[in-house]
Amino acid sequence: MSNMSYCRFQNTANDFRDCLENLRTLRSSDRDELAARRSLIHDAALLLQELGIEDFYDHREVDAAVDGLDAGDGIDADDLEDEEAA
């Protein structure tokens, strides 16, 4: 289901925050969910490049980071809170 245009960014921002909070907790055998997480992370990296925040978007680095998440490594929830406070 798509978002209504009058609240697209509000709904997406809330959903995106939920995804951030659950990056490490996804232990799904659902290949579609794992693929969607990978796609979302790639899209976020591309957004940072489009905004000029990152100069170069290297899909191999993003894949390696997602592989780390799949292996149980990666982002710590405390790290996310520290970045939000900064």
Protein backbone atom coordinates (compact mmCIF):
# COMPACT_ATOMS: atom_id res chain seq x y z
CA MET A 1 0.00 0.00 0.00
CA SER A 2 1.38 3.38 -0.93
CA ASN A 3 1.42 6.44 1.30
CA MET A 4 -1.03 9.25 0.77
CA SER A 5 0.76 12.28 -0.65
CA TYR A 6 -0.28 14.55 2.22
CA CYS A 7 1.51 12.39 4.82
CA ARG A 8 4.05 10.43 2.74
CA PHE A 9 7.13 11.73 4.54
CA GLN A 10 5.56 11.50 8.00
CA ASN A 11 4.62 7.85 7.51
CA THR A 12 7.91 6.96 5.86
CA ALA A 13 9.97 8.70 8.55
CA ASN A 14 8.18 6.72 11.27
CA ASP A 15 8.62 3.45 9.39
CA PHE A 16 12.28 4.25 8.67
CA ARG A 17 12.96 4.89 12.36
CA ASP A 18 11.35 1.55 13.18
CA CYS A 19 13.63 -0.13 10.64
CA LEU A 20 16.69 1.60 12.15
CA GLU A 21 15.75 0.39 15.60
CA ASN A 22 15.44 -3.15 14.31
CA LEU A 23 18.42 -3.41 11.93
CA ARG A 24 20.26 -5.85 14.18
CA THR A 25 17.27 -7.77 15.44
CA LEU A 26 16.13 -9.12 12.08
CA ARG A 27 16.69 -12.85 12.26
CA SER A 28 14.33 -13.81 9.56
CA SER A 29 14.30 -16.83 7.35
CA ASP A 30 12.08 -14.77 5.06
CA ARG A 31 14.33 -14.06 2.10
CA ASP A 32 12.00 -11.29 0.92
CA GLU A 33 12.38 -9.42 4.23
CA LEU A 34 16.16 -9.80 4.17
CA ALA A 35 16.27 -8.59 0.56
CA ALA A 36 14.03 -5.63 1.43
CA ARG A 37 16.37 -4.65 4.29
CA ARG A 38 19.35 -4.78 1.91
CA SER A 39 17.47 -2.69 -0.65
CA LEU A 40 16.46 -0.11 1.97
CA ILE A 41 20.06 0.27 3.13
CA HIS A 42 21.24 0.70 -0.46
CA ASP A 43 18.52 3.32 -1.03
CA ALA A 44 19.59 5.19 2.12
CA ALA A 45 23.22 5.20 0.95
CA LEU A 46 22.14 6.48 -2.46
CA LEU A 47 20.10 9.22 -0.79
CA LEU A 48 23.18 10.38 1.12
CA GLN A 49 25.09 10.55 -2.14
CA GLU A 50 22.30 12.45 -3.91
CA LEU A 51 22.24 14.99 -1.07
CA GLY A 52 25.99 15.46 -1.30
CA ILE A 53 26.63 14.05 2.17
CA GLU A 54 28.62 11.13 0.77
CA ASP A 55 30.80 11.70 -2.27
CA PHE A 56 30.77 8.17 -3.55
CA TYR A 57 28.30 5.36 -3.03
CA ASP A 58 30.14 2.03 -3.12
CA HIS A 59 27.60 -0.77 -3.33
CA ARG A 60 30.27 -3.30 -2.29
CA GLU A 61 30.83 -1.50 1.02
CA VAL A 62 27.09 -1.40 1.62
CA ASP A 63 26.79 -5.12 0.79
CA ALA A 64 29.64 -5.88 3.20
CA ALA A 65 27.89 -3.91 5.95
CA VAL A 66 24.63 -5.76 5.36
CA ASP A 67 26.49 -9.08 5.31
CA GLY A 68 27.84 -8.08 8.72
CA LEU A 69 24.30 -7.49 9.94
CA ASP A 70 23.30 -10.90 8.62
CA ALA A 71 26.20 -12.41 10.56
CA GLY A 72 25.14 -10.65 13.76
CA ASP A 73 27.69 -7.83 13.60
CA GLY A 74 27.14 -4.21 12.73
CA ILE A 75 25.27 -1.31 14.18
CA ASP A 76 24.76 -1.07 17.91
CA ALA A 77 21.55 0.57 19.13
CA ASP A 78 23.64 2.73 21.50
CA ASP A 79 25.61 4.03 18.50
CA LEU A 80 22.36 5.15 16.86
CA GLU A 81 21.29 7.00 20.01
CA ASP A 82 24.71 8.71 20.25
CA GLU A 83 24.46 9.89 16.63
CA GLU A 84 20.94 11.23 17.16
CA ALA A 85 22.11 13.22 20.20
CA ALA A 86 24.98 14.82 18.27
